[in-house]
Amino acid sequence: SLTALLFSGPLSERLVQHWRSFCSYMGSRTPFSGWKAFWYR
């Protein structure tokens, strides 16, 4: 399970993975280049 593979570690690692996914999602949704750069960084 890819989801299980990515979110199977210690709580700190799972939180980092959730944060990265959240920021990537926000970057994908905004149409503005500056905001995309902000979230993807």
PDB file of all heavy atoms in Angstrom:
ATOM      1  N   SER A   1       0.860  -1.171   0.000  1.00  0.00           N
ATOM      2  CA  SER A   1       0.000   0.000   0.000  1.00  0.00           C
ATOM      3  C   SER A   1       0.900   1.225   0.000  1.00  0.00           C
ATOM      4  O   SER A   1       1.702   1.418   0.909  1.00  0.00           O
ATOM      5  CB  SER A   1      -0.891   0.008   1.243  1.00  0.00           C
ATOM      6  OG  SER A   1      -1.445   1.286   1.450  1.00  0.00           O
ATOM      7  N   LEU A   2       0.807   2.052  -1.049  1.00  0.00           N
ATOM      8  CA  LEU A   2       1.652   3.239  -1.126  1.00  0.00           C
ATOM      9  C   LEU A   2       1.374   4.170   0.045  1.00  0.00           C
ATOM     10  O   LEU A   2       2.293   4.737   0.632  1.00  0.00           O
ATOM     11  CB  LEU A   2       1.413   3.971  -2.444  1.00  0.00           C
ATOM     12  CG  LEU A   2       2.259   5.220  -2.695  1.00  0.00           C
ATOM     13  CD1 LEU A   2       3.744   4.884  -2.643  1.00  0.00           C
ATOM     14  CD2 LEU A   2       1.900   5.843  -4.029  1.00  0.00           C
ATOM     15  N   THR A   3       0.118   4.324   0.397  1.00  0.00           N
ATOM     16  CA  THR A   3      -0.240   5.188   1.521  1.00  0.00           C
ATOM     17  C   THR A   3       0.389   4.668   2.812  1.00  0.00           C
ATOM     18  O   THR A   3       0.981   5.428   3.581  1.00  0.00           O
ATOM     19  CB  THR A   3      -1.762   5.265   1.686  1.00  0.00           C
ATOM     20  OG1 THR A   3      -2.335   5.763   0.473  1.00  0.00           O
ATOM     21  CG2 THR A   3      -2.132   6.181   2.837  1.00  0.00           C
ATOM     22  N   ALA A   4       0.274   3.369   3.025  1.00  0.00           N
ATOM     23  CA  ALA A   4       0.859   2.788   4.235  1.00  0.00           C
ATOM     24  C   ALA A   4       2.379   2.926   4.223  1.00  0.00           C
ATOM     25  O   ALA A   4       3.000   3.172   5.256  1.00  0.00           O
ATOM     26  CB  ALA A   4       0.467   1.317   4.352  1.00  0.00           C
ATOM     27  N   LEU A   5       2.986   2.786   3.033  1.00  0.00           N
ATOM     28  CA  LEU A   5       4.438   2.895   2.924  1.00  0.00           C
ATOM     29  C   LEU A   5       4.925   4.281   3.344  1.00  0.00           C
ATOM     30  O   LEU A   5       5.917   4.425   4.036  1.00  0.00           O
ATOM     31  CB  LEU A   5       4.861   2.610   1.477  1.00  0.00           C
ATOM     32  CG  LEU A   5       6.359   2.611   1.168  1.00  0.00           C
ATOM     33  CD1 LEU A   5       7.060   1.479   1.883  1.00  0.00           C
ATOM     34  CD2 LEU A   5       6.587   2.528  -0.337  1.00  0.00           C
ATOM     35  N   LEU A   6       4.179   5.323   2.936  1.00  0.00           N
ATOM     36  CA  LEU A   6       4.585   6.698   3.220  1.00  0.00           C
ATOM     37  C   LEU A   6       4.249   7.144   4.635  1.00  0.00           C
ATOM     38  O   LEU A   6       4.901   8.021   5.183  1.00  0.00           O
ATOM     39  CB  LEU A   6       3.933   7.653   2.214  1.00  0.00           C
ATOM     40  CG  LEU A   6       4.434   7.540   0.775  1.00  0.00           C
ATOM     41  CD1 LEU A   6       3.576   8.373  -0.145  1.00  0.00           C
ATOM     42  CD2 LEU A   6       5.886   7.957   0.678  1.00  0.00           C
ATOM     43  N   PHE A   7       3.215   6.578   5.205  1.00  0.00           N
ATOM     44  CA  PHE A   7       2.740   7.056   6.506  1.00  0.00           C
ATOM     45  C   PHE A   7       2.870   5.997   7.591  1.00  0.00           C
ATOM     46  O   PHE A   7       2.065   5.941   8.508  1.00  0.00           O
ATOM     47  CB  PHE A   7       1.278   7.501   6.389  1.00  0.00           C
ATOM     48  CG  PHE A   7       1.079   8.669   5.468  1.00  0.00           C
ATOM     49  CD1 PHE A   7       0.674   8.479   4.164  1.00  0.00           C
ATOM     50  CD2 PHE A   7       1.325   9.965   5.901  1.00  0.00           C
ATOM     51  CE1 PHE A   7       0.499   9.556   3.299  1.00  0.00           C
ATOM     52  CE2 PHE A   7       1.150  11.046   5.048  1.00  0.00           C
ATOM     53  CZ  PHE A   7       0.741  10.839   3.743  1.00  0.00           C
ATOM     54  N   SER A   8       3.920   5.167   7.480  1.00  0.00           N
ATOM     55  CA  SER A   8       4.085   4.080   8.449  1.00  0.00           C
ATOM     56  C   SER A   8       5.127   4.378   9.512  1.00  0.00           C
ATOM     57  O   SER A   8       5.292   3.602  10.442  1.00  0.00           O
ATOM     58  CB  SER A   8       4.482   2.796   7.715  1.00  0.00           C
ATOM     59  OG  SER A   8       5.758   2.957   7.106  1.00  0.00           O
ATOM     60  N   GLY A   9       5.841   5.497   9.384  1.00  0.00           N
ATOM     61  CA  GLY A   9       6.944   5.778  10.291  1.00  0.00           C
ATOM     62  C   GLY A   9       6.509   6.387  11.600  1.00  0.00           C
ATOM     63  O   GLY A   9       5.321   6.412  11.941  1.00  0.00           O
ATOM     64  N   PRO A  10       7.450   6.915  12.345  1.00  0.00           N
ATOM     65  CA  PRO A  10       7.129   7.589  13.611  1.00  0.00           C
ATOM     66  C   PRO A  10       6.201   8.780  13.373  1.00  0.00           C
ATOM     67  O   PRO A  10       6.097   9.296  12.253  1.00  0.00           O
ATOM     68  CB  PRO A  10       8.506   8.052  14.116  1.00  0.00           C
ATOM     69  CG  PRO A  10       9.491   7.196  13.409  1.00  0.00           C
ATOM     70  CD  PRO A  10       8.901   6.876  12.085  1.00  0.00           C
ATOM     71  N   LEU A  11       5.553   9.214  14.437  1.00  0.00           N
ATOM     72  CA  LEU A  11       4.591  10.309  14.329  1.00  0.00           C
ATOM     73  C   LEU A  11       5.219  11.548  13.695  1.00  0.00           C
ATOM     74  O   LEU A  11       4.598  12.209  12.853  1.00  0.00           O
ATOM     75  CB  LEU A  11       4.035  10.649  15.711  1.00  0.00           C
ATOM     76  CG  LEU A  11       3.055  11.836  15.772  1.00  0.00           C
ATOM     77  CD1 LEU A  11       1.836  11.568  14.897  1.00  0.00           C
ATOM     78  CD2 LEU A  11       2.649  12.120  17.212  1.00  0.00           C
ATOM     79  N   SER A  12       6.447  11.876  14.073  1.00  0.00           N
ATOM     80  CA  SER A  12       7.088  13.070  13.527  1.00  0.00           C
ATOM     81  C   SER A  12       7.231  12.979  12.008  1.00  0.00           C
ATOM     82  O   SER A  12       7.007  13.958  11.287  1.00  0.00           O
ATOM     83  CB  SER A  12       8.461  13.270  14.175  1.00  0.00           C
ATOM     84  OG  SER A  12       9.294  12.143  13.958  1.00  0.00           O
ATOM     85  N   GLU A  13       7.591  11.786  11.503  1.00  0.00           N
ATOM     86  CA  GLU A  13       7.732  11.601  10.055  1.00  0.00           C
ATOM     87  C   GLU A  13       6.378  11.672   9.360  1.00  0.00           C
ATOM     88  O   GLU A  13       6.265  12.246   8.266  1.00  0.00           O
ATOM     89  CB  GLU A  13       8.404  10.259   9.759  1.00  0.00           C
ATOM     90  CG  GLU A  13       9.863  10.189  10.165  1.00  0.00           C
ATOM     91  CD  GLU A  13      10.508   8.899   9.742  1.00  0.00           C
ATOM     92  OE1 GLU A  13       9.853   8.117   8.996  1.00  0.00           O
ATOM     93  OE2 GLU A  13      11.662   8.645  10.134  1.00  0.00           O
ATOM     94  N   ARG A  14       5.362  11.114   9.982  1.00  0.00           N
ATOM     95  CA  ARG A  14       4.029  11.162   9.383  1.00  0.00           C
ATOM     96  C   ARG A  14       3.516  12.589   9.303  1.00  0.00           C
ATOM     97  O   ARG A  14       2.896  12.983   8.308  1.00  0.00           O
ATOM     98  CB  ARG A  14       3.051  10.284  10.174  1.00  0.00           C
ATOM     99  CG  ARG A  14       3.419   8.818  10.181  1.00  0.00           C
ATOM    100  CD  ARG A  14       2.230   7.935  10.529  1.00  0.00           C
ATOM    101  NE  ARG A  14       1.624   8.240  11.810  1.00  0.00           N
ATOM    102  CZ  ARG A  14       1.992   7.696  12.963  1.00  0.00           C
ATOM    103  NH1 ARG A  14       2.993   6.824  12.986  1.00  0.00           N
ATOM    104  NH2 ARG A  14       1.376   8.002  14.081  1.00  0.00           N
ATOM    105  N   LEU A  15       3.784  13.386  10.338  1.00  0.00           N
ATOM    106  CA  LEU A  15       3.349  14.787  10.320  1.00  0.00           C
ATOM    107  C   LEU A  15       4.066  15.573   9.219  1.00  0.00           C
ATOM    108  O   LEU A  15       3.446  16.404   8.537  1.00  0.00           O
ATOM    109  CB  LEU A  15       3.603  15.426  11.686  1.00  0.00           C
ATOM    110  CG  LEU A  15       2.717  14.937  12.835  1.00  0.00           C
ATOM    111  CD1 LEU A  15       3.163  15.553  14.150  1.00  0.00           C
ATOM    112  CD2 LEU A  15       1.239  15.257  12.566  1.00  0.00           C
ATOM    113  N   VAL A  16       5.360  15.307   9.047  1.00  0.00           N
ATOM    114  CA  VAL A  16       6.103  15.982   7.976  1.00  0.00           C
ATOM    115  C   VAL A  16       5.531  15.607   6.613  1.00  0.00           C
ATOM    116  O   VAL A  16       5.353  16.455   5.733  1.00  0.00           O
ATOM    117  CB  VAL A  16       7.602  15.623   8.048  1.00  0.00           C
ATOM    118  CG1 VAL A  16       8.334  16.096   6.783  1.00  0.00           C
ATOM    119  CG2 VAL A  16       8.233  16.248   9.281  1.00  0.00           C
ATOM    120  N   GLN A  17       5.216  14.318   6.432  1.00  0.00           N
ATOM    121  CA  GLN A  17       4.658  13.871   5.153  1.00  0.00           C
ATOM    122  C   GLN A  17       3.296  14.516   4.896  1.00  0.00           C
ATOM    123  O   GLN A  17       2.994  14.947   3.780  1.00  0.00           O
ATOM    124  CB  GLN A  17       4.528  12.345   5.129  1.00  0.00           C
ATOM    125  CG  GLN A  17       4.068  11.784   3.793  1.00  0.00           C
ATOM    126  CD  GLN A  17       5.053  12.049   2.679  1.00  0.00           C
ATOM    127  OE1 GLN A  17       6.245  11.844   2.825  1.00  0.00           O
ATOM    128  NE2 GLN A  17       4.556  12.522   1.538  1.00  0.00           N
ATOM    129  N   HIS A  18       2.469  14.605   5.944  1.00  0.00           N
ATOM    130  CA  HIS A  18       1.164  15.261   5.806  1.00  0.00           C
ATOM    131  C   HIS A  18       1.351  16.737   5.441  1.00  0.00           C
ATOM    132  O   HIS A  18       0.607  17.278   4.599  1.00  0.00           O
ATOM    133  CB  HIS A  18       0.368  15.138   7.098  1.00  0.00           C
ATOM    134  CG  HIS A  18      -0.317  13.816   7.262  1.00  0.00           C
ATOM    135  ND1 HIS A  18      -1.291  13.371   6.399  1.00  0.00           N
ATOM    136  CD2 HIS A  18      -0.171  12.835   8.201  1.00  0.00           C
ATOM    137  CE1 HIS A  18      -1.725  12.176   6.789  1.00  0.00           C
ATOM    138  NE2 HIS A  18      -1.057  11.840   7.870  1.00  0.00           N
ATOM    139  N   TRP A  19       2.316  17.399   6.065  1.00  0.00           N
ATOM    140  CA  TRP A  19       2.561  18.815   5.793  1.00  0.00           C
ATOM    141  C   TRP A  19       3.014  19.008   4.346  1.00  0.00           C
ATOM    142  O   TRP A  19       2.537  19.912   3.653  1.00  0.00           O
ATOM    143  CB  TRP A  19       3.614  19.357   6.759  1.00  0.00           C
ATOM    144  CG  TRP A  19       4.072  20.743   6.439  1.00  0.00           C
ATOM    145  CD1 TRP A  19       5.303  21.109   5.989  1.00  0.00           C
ATOM    146  CD2 TRP A  19       3.318  21.954   6.544  1.00  0.00           C
ATOM    147  NE1 TRP A  19       5.370  22.462   5.799  1.00  0.00           N
ATOM    148  CE2 TRP A  19       4.155  23.015   6.131  1.00  0.00           C
ATOM    149  CE3 TRP A  19       2.020  22.246   6.948  1.00  0.00           C
ATOM    150  CZ2 TRP A  19       3.741  24.340   6.104  1.00  0.00           C
ATOM    151  CZ3 TRP A  19       1.602  23.575   6.919  1.00  0.00           C
ATOM    152  CH2 TRP A  19       2.447  24.603   6.508  1.00  0.00           C
ATOM    153  N   ARG A  20       3.916  18.153   3.868  1.00  0.00           N
ATOM    154  CA  ARG A  20       4.380  18.251   2.491  1.00  0.00           C
ATOM    155  C   ARG A  20       3.229  18.047   1.511  1.00  0.00           C
ATOM    156  O   ARG A  20       3.102  18.768   0.512  1.00  0.00           O
ATOM    157  CB  ARG A  20       5.479  17.225   2.235  1.00  0.00           C
ATOM    158  CG  ARG A  20       6.821  17.604   2.844  1.00  0.00           C
ATOM    159  CD  ARG A  20       7.851  16.543   2.590  1.00  0.00           C
ATOM    160  NE  ARG A  20       9.164  16.960   3.086  1.00  0.00           N
ATOM    161  CZ  ARG A  20      10.088  16.123   3.494  1.00  0.00           C
ATOM    162  NH1 ARG A  20       9.869  14.816   3.484  1.00  0.00           N
ATOM    163  NH2 ARG A  20      11.257  16.575   3.924  1.00  0.00           N
ATOM    164  N   SER A  21       2.402  17.062   1.795  1.00  0.00           N
ATOM    165  CA  SER A  21       1.265  16.802   0.909  1.00  0.00           C
ATOM    166  C   SER A  21       0.288  17.968   0.913  1.00  0.00           C
ATOM    167  O   SER A  21      -0.248  18.360  -0.132  1.00  0.00           O
ATOM    168  CB  SER A  21       0.559  15.516   1.329  1.00  0.00           C
ATOM    169  OG  SER A  21       1.417  14.397   1.195  1.00  0.00           O
ATOM    170  N   PHE A  22       0.052  18.545   2.083  1.00  0.00           N
ATOM    171  CA  PHE A  22      -0.858  19.685   2.192  1.00  0.00           C
ATOM    172  C   PHE A  22      -0.318  20.879   1.404  1.00  0.00           C
ATOM    173  O   PHE A  22      -1.050  21.510   0.621  1.00  0.00           O
ATOM    174  CB  PHE A  22      -1.048  20.073   3.660  1.00  0.00           C
ATOM    175  CG  PHE A  22      -1.777  21.383   3.847  1.00  0.00           C
ATOM    176  CD1 PHE A  22      -3.152  21.457   3.669  1.00  0.00           C
ATOM    177  CD2 PHE A  22      -1.086  22.536   4.190  1.00  0.00           C
ATOM    178  CE1 PHE A  22      -3.826  22.667   3.831  1.00  0.00           C
ATOM    179  CE2 PHE A  22      -1.745  23.747   4.353  1.00  0.00           C
ATOM    180  CZ  PHE A  22      -3.123  23.812   4.172  1.00  0.00           C
ATOM    181  N   CYS A  23       0.968  21.201   1.596  1.00  0.00           N
ATOM    182  CA  CYS A  23       1.557  22.336   0.890  1.00  0.00           C
ATOM    183  C   CYS A  23       1.564  22.105  -0.620  1.00  0.00           C
ATOM    184  O   CYS A  23       1.307  23.036  -1.400  1.00  0.00           O
ATOM    185  CB  CYS A  23       2.974  22.582   1.389  1.00  0.00           C
ATOM    186  SG  CYS A  23       3.068  23.190   3.091  1.00  0.00           S
ATOM    187  N   SER A  24       1.826  20.869  -1.038  1.00  0.00           N
ATOM    188  CA  SER A  24       1.808  20.553  -2.467  1.00  0.00           C
ATOM    189  C   SER A  24       0.407  20.712  -3.030  1.00  0.00           C
ATOM    190  O   SER A  24       0.225  21.212  -4.151  1.00  0.00           O
ATOM    191  CB  SER A  24       2.310  19.131  -2.702  1.00  0.00           C
ATOM    192  OG  SER A  24       3.664  19.003  -2.319  1.00  0.00           O
ATOM    193  N   TYR A  25      -0.576  20.286  -2.261  1.00  0.00           N
ATOM    194  CA  TYR A  25      -1.961  20.441  -2.712  1.00  0.00           C
ATOM    195  C   TYR A  25      -2.308  21.913  -2.871  1.00  0.00           C
ATOM    196  O   TYR A  25      -2.913  22.317  -3.878  1.00  0.00           O
ATOM    197  CB  TYR A  25      -2.909  19.776  -1.719  1.00  0.00           C
ATOM    198  CG  TYR A  25      -4.367  20.040  -2.024  1.00  0.00           C
ATOM    199  CD1 TYR A  25      -5.025  19.323  -3.018  1.00  0.00           C
ATOM    200  CD2 TYR A  25      -5.084  21.009  -1.321  1.00  0.00           C
ATOM    201  CE1 TYR A  25      -6.356  19.578  -3.316  1.00  0.00           C
ATOM    202  CE2 TYR A  25      -6.414  21.268  -1.610  1.00  0.00           C
ATOM    203  CZ  TYR A  25      -7.043  20.547  -2.608  1.00  0.00           C
ATOM    204  OH  TYR A  25      -8.360  20.807  -2.896  1.00  0.00           O
ATOM    205  N   MET A  26      -1.933  22.725  -1.898  1.00  0.00           N
ATOM    206  CA  MET A  26      -2.217  24.151  -1.978  1.00  0.00           C
ATOM    207  C   MET A  26      -1.516  24.775  -3.186  1.00  0.00           C
ATOM    208  O   MET A  26      -2.079  25.624  -3.890  1.00  0.00           O
ATOM    209  CB  MET A  26      -1.783  24.853  -0.701  1.00  0.00           C
ATOM    210  CG  MET A  26      -2.559  24.430   0.543  1.00  0.00           C
ATOM    211  SD  MET A  26      -4.324  24.798   0.417  1.00  0.00           S
ATOM    212  CE  MET A  26      -4.290  26.595   0.461  1.00  0.00           C
ATOM    213  N   GLY A  27      -0.278  24.332  -3.441  1.00  0.00           N
ATOM    214  CA  GLY A  27       0.441  24.836  -4.601  1.00  0.00           C
ATOM    215  C   GLY A  27      -0.235  24.465  -5.915  1.00  0.00           C
ATOM    216  O   GLY A  27      -0.244  25.245  -6.866  1.00  0.00           O
ATOM    217  N   SER A  28      -0.812  23.273  -5.954  1.00  0.00           N
ATOM    218  CA  SER A  28      -1.466  22.834  -7.188  1.00  0.00           C
ATOM    219  C   SER A  28      -2.772  23.573  -7.447  1.00  0.00           C
ATOM    220  O   SER A  28      -3.198  23.706  -8.596  1.00  0.00           O
ATOM    221  CB  SER A  28      -1.740  21.325  -7.123  1.00  0.00           C
ATOM    222  OG  SER A  28      -2.774  21.031  -6.174  1.00  0.00           O
ATOM    223  N   ARG A  29      -3.416  24.086  -6.393  1.00  0.00           N
ATOM    224  CA  ARG A  29      -4.734  24.699  -6.546  1.00  0.00           C
ATOM    225  C   ARG A  29      -4.692  26.171  -6.912  1.00  0.00           C
ATOM    226  O   ARG A  29      -5.587  26.676  -7.567  1.00  0.00           O
ATOM    227  CB  ARG A  29      -5.541  24.534  -5.245  1.00  0.00           C
ATOM    228  CG  ARG A  29      -5.742  23.103  -4.798  1.00  0.00           C
ATOM    229  CD  ARG A  29      -6.420  22.272  -5.850  1.00  0.00           C
ATOM    230  NE  ARG A  29      -7.789  22.702  -6.093  1.00  0.00           N
ATOM    231  CZ  ARG A  29      -8.587  22.166  -7.015  1.00  0.00           C
ATOM    232  NH1 ARG A  29      -8.127  21.197  -7.801  1.00  0.00           N
ATOM    233  NH2 ARG A  29      -9.830  22.612  -7.168  1.00  0.00           N
ATOM    234  N   THR A  30      -3.650  26.886  -6.502  1.00  0.00           N
ATOM    235  CA  THR A  30      -3.611  28.311  -6.794  1.00  0.00           C
ATOM    236  C   THR A  30      -3.155  28.546  -8.233  1.00  0.00           C
ATOM    237  O   THR A  30      -2.270  27.851  -8.734  1.00  0.00           O
ATOM    238  CB  THR A  30      -2.674  29.065  -5.828  1.00  0.00           C
ATOM    239  OG1 THR A  30      -2.664  30.447  -6.172  1.00  0.00           O
ATOM    240  CG2 THR A  30      -1.268  28.518  -5.896  1.00  0.00           C
ATOM    241  N   PRO A  31      -3.749  29.519  -8.945  1.00  0.00           N
ATOM    242  CA  PRO A  31      -3.340  29.793 -10.320  1.00  0.00           C
ATOM    243  C   PRO A  31      -2.163  30.749 -10.439  1.00  0.00           C
ATOM    244  O   PRO A  31      -1.647  30.960 -11.534  1.00  0.00           O
ATOM    245  CB  PRO A  31      -4.607  30.428 -10.925  1.00  0.00           C
ATOM    246  CG  PRO A  31      -5.242  31.134  -9.774  1.00  0.00           C
ATOM    247  CD  PRO A  31      -4.956  30.279  -8.565  1.00  0.00           C
ATOM    248  N   PHE A  32      -1.736  31.329  -9.318  1.00  0.00           N
ATOM    249  CA  PHE A  32      -0.731  32.382  -9.361  1.00  0.00           C
ATOM    250  C   PHE A  32       0.673  31.830  -9.135  1.00  0.00           C
ATOM    251  O   PHE A  32       0.924  31.077  -8.196  1.00  0.00           O
ATOM    252  CB  PHE A  32      -1.045  33.452  -8.314  1.00  0.00           C
ATOM    253  CG  PHE A  32      -2.441  33.994  -8.420  1.00  0.00           C
ATOM    254  CD1 PHE A  32      -3.358  33.761  -7.406  1.00  0.00           C
ATOM    255  CD2 PHE A  32      -2.836  34.698  -9.541  1.00  0.00           C
ATOM    256  CE1 PHE A  32      -4.651  34.242  -7.503  1.00  0.00           C
ATOM    257  CE2 PHE A  32      -4.123  35.189  -9.652  1.00  0.00           C
ATOM    258  CZ  PHE A  32      -5.050  34.962  -8.635  1.00  0.00           C
ATOM    259  N   SER A  33       1.606  32.241  -9.991  1.00  0.00           N
ATOM    260  CA  SER A  33       2.967  31.719  -9.930  1.00  0.00           C
ATOM    261  C   SER A  33       3.627  31.973  -8.578  1.00  0.00           C
ATOM    262  O   SER A  33       4.255  31.080  -8.004  1.00  0.00           O
ATOM    263  CB  SER A  33       3.811  32.344 -11.046  1.00  0.00           C
ATOM    264  OG  SER A  33       5.143  31.861 -10.991  1.00  0.00           O
ATOM    265  N   GLY A  34       3.495  33.196  -8.059  1.00  0.00           N
ATOM    266  CA  GLY A  34       4.120  33.520  -6.778  1.00  0.00           C
ATOM    267  C   GLY A  34       3.604  32.662  -5.640  1.00  0.00           C
ATOM    268  O   GLY A  34       4.377  32.226  -4.776  1.00  0.00           O
ATOM    269  N   TRP A  35       2.311  32.420  -5.617  1.00  0.00           N
ATOM    270  CA  TRP A  35       1.736  31.577  -4.564  1.00  0.00           C
ATOM    271  C   TRP A  35       2.136  30.123  -4.741  1.00  0.00           C
ATOM    272  O   TRP A  35       2.349  29.397  -3.763  1.00  0.00           O
ATOM    273  CB  TRP A  35       0.217  31.724  -4.538  1.00  0.00           C
ATOM    274  CG  TRP A  35      -0.227  32.953  -3.822  1.00  0.00           C
ATOM    275  CD1 TRP A  35      -0.686  34.126  -4.363  1.00  0.00           C
ATOM    276  CD2 TRP A  35      -0.231  33.149  -2.393  1.00  0.00           C
ATOM    277  NE1 TRP A  35      -0.975  35.034  -3.378  1.00  0.00           N
ATOM    278  CE2 TRP A  35      -0.704  34.465  -2.158  1.00  0.00           C
ATOM    279  CE3 TRP A  35       0.134  32.357  -1.310  1.00  0.00           C
ATOM    280  CZ2 TRP A  35      -0.828  34.992  -0.881  1.00  0.00           C
ATOM    281  CZ3 TRP A  35       0.011  32.880  -0.033  1.00  0.00           C
ATOM    282  CH2 TRP A  35      -0.459  34.166   0.170  1.00  0.00           C
ATOM    283  N   LYS A  36       2.221  29.678  -5.985  1.00  0.00           N
ATOM    284  CA  LYS A  36       2.692  28.305  -6.214  1.00  0.00           C
ATOM    285  C   LYS A  36       4.114  28.142  -5.657  1.00  0.00           C
ATOM    286  O   LYS A  36       4.418  27.159  -4.971  1.00  0.00           O
ATOM    287  CB  LYS A  36       2.667  27.982  -7.710  1.00  0.00           C
ATOM    288  CG  LYS A  36       1.280  27.658  -8.269  1.00  0.00           C
ATOM    289  CD  LYS A  36       1.369  27.289  -9.731  1.00  0.00           C
ATOM    290  CE  LYS A  36       0.015  26.869 -10.270  1.00  0.00           C
ATOM    291  NZ  LYS A  36      -0.451  25.583  -9.716  1.00  0.00           N
ATOM    292  N   ALA A  37       4.975  29.111  -5.967  1.00  0.00           N
ATOM    293  CA  ALA A  37       6.343  29.048  -5.465  1.00  0.00           C
ATOM    294  C   ALA A  37       6.362  29.053  -3.937  1.00  0.00           C
ATOM    295  O   ALA A  37       7.131  28.317  -3.305  1.00  0.00           O
ATOM    296  CB  ALA A  37       7.159  30.216  -6.014  1.00  0.00           C
ATOM    297  N   PHE A  38       5.509  29.869  -3.326  1.00  0.00           N
ATOM    298  CA  PHE A  38       5.420  29.952  -1.868  1.00  0.00           C
ATOM    299  C   PHE A  38       5.099  28.584  -1.262  1.00  0.00           C
ATOM    300  O   PHE A  38       5.780  28.106  -0.347  1.00  0.00           O
ATOM    301  CB  PHE A  38       4.344  30.975  -1.486  1.00  0.00           C
ATOM    302  CG  PHE A  38       4.037  31.032  -0.010  1.00  0.00           C
ATOM    303  CD1 PHE A  38       4.770  31.845   0.838  1.00  0.00           C
ATOM    304  CD2 PHE A  38       3.000  30.265   0.524  1.00  0.00           C
ATOM    305  CE1 PHE A  38       4.479  31.891   2.205  1.00  0.00           C
ATOM    306  CE2 PHE A  38       2.702  30.316   1.879  1.00  0.00           C
ATOM    307  CZ  PHE A  38       3.443  31.127   2.721  1.00  0.00           C
ATOM    308  N   TRP A  39       4.065  27.947  -1.780  1.00  0.00           N
ATOM    309  CA  TRP A  39       3.625  26.670  -1.193  1.00  0.00           C
ATOM    310  C   TRP A  39       4.592  25.533  -1.515  1.00  0.00           C
ATOM    311  O   TRP A  39       4.887  24.687  -0.660  1.00  0.00           O
ATOM    312  CB  TRP A  39       2.222  26.329  -1.657  1.00  0.00           C
ATOM    313  CG  TRP A  39       1.161  27.122  -0.976  1.00  0.00           C
ATOM    314  CD1 TRP A  39       0.355  28.079  -1.526  1.00  0.00           C
ATOM    315  CD2 TRP A  39       0.796  27.039   0.410  1.00  0.00           C
ATOM    316  NE1 TRP A  39      -0.484  28.602  -0.575  1.00  0.00           N
ATOM    317  CE2 TRP A  39      -0.242  27.980   0.626  1.00  0.00           C
ATOM    318  CE3 TRP A  39       1.238  26.282   1.486  1.00  0.00           C
ATOM    319  CZ2 TRP A  39      -0.829  28.161   1.873  1.00  0.00           C
ATOM    320  CZ3 TRP A  39       0.658  26.456   2.728  1.00  0.00           C
ATOM    321  CH2 TRP A  39      -0.365  27.382   2.911  1.00  0.00           C
ATOM    322  N   TYR A  40       5.099  25.507  -2.750  1.00  0.00           N
ATOM    323  CA  TYR A  40       5.978  24.399  -3.103  1.00  0.00           C
ATOM    324  C   TYR A  40       7.315  24.471  -2.365  1.00  0.00           C
ATOM    325  O   TYR A  40       7.896  23.430  -2.042  1.00  0.00           O
ATOM    326  CB  TYR A  40       6.190  24.346  -4.615  1.00  0.00           C
ATOM    327  CG  TYR A  40       5.030  23.702  -5.351  1.00  0.00           C
ATOM    328  CD1 TYR A  40       4.432  24.315  -6.445  1.00  0.00           C
ATOM    329  CD2 TYR A  40       4.538  22.459  -4.951  1.00  0.00           C
ATOM    330  CE1 TYR A  40       3.373  23.723  -7.119  1.00  0.00           C
ATOM    331  CE2 TYR A  40       3.483  21.856  -5.607  1.00  0.00           C
ATOM    332  CZ  TYR A  40       2.906  22.492  -6.690  1.00  0.00           C
ATOM    333  OH  TYR A  40       1.858  21.895  -7.341  1.00  0.00           O
ATOM    334  N   ARG A  41       7.799  25.664  -2.100  1.00  0.00           N
ATOM    335  CA  ARG A  41       9.008  25.765  -1.278  1.00  0.00           C
ATOM    336  C   ARG A  41       8.766  25.170   0.099  1.00  0.00           C
ATOM    337  O   ARG A  41       9.637  24.487   0.653  1.00  0.00           O
ATOM    338  CB  ARG A  41       9.436  27.223  -1.168  1.00  0.00           C
ATOM    339  CG  ARG A  41      10.230  27.748  -2.362  1.00  0.00           C
ATOM    340  CD  ARG A  41      10.925  29.056  -2.041  1.00  0.00           C
ATOM    341  NE  ARG A  41      11.801  29.489  -3.129  1.00  0.00           N
ATOM    342  CZ  ARG A  41      11.471  30.378  -4.042  1.00  0.00           C
ATOM    343  NH1 ARG A  41      10.277  30.958  -3.998  1.00  0.00           N
ATOM    344  NH2 ARG A  41      12.327  30.711  -5.001  1.00  0.00           N
TER     345      ARG A  41
END
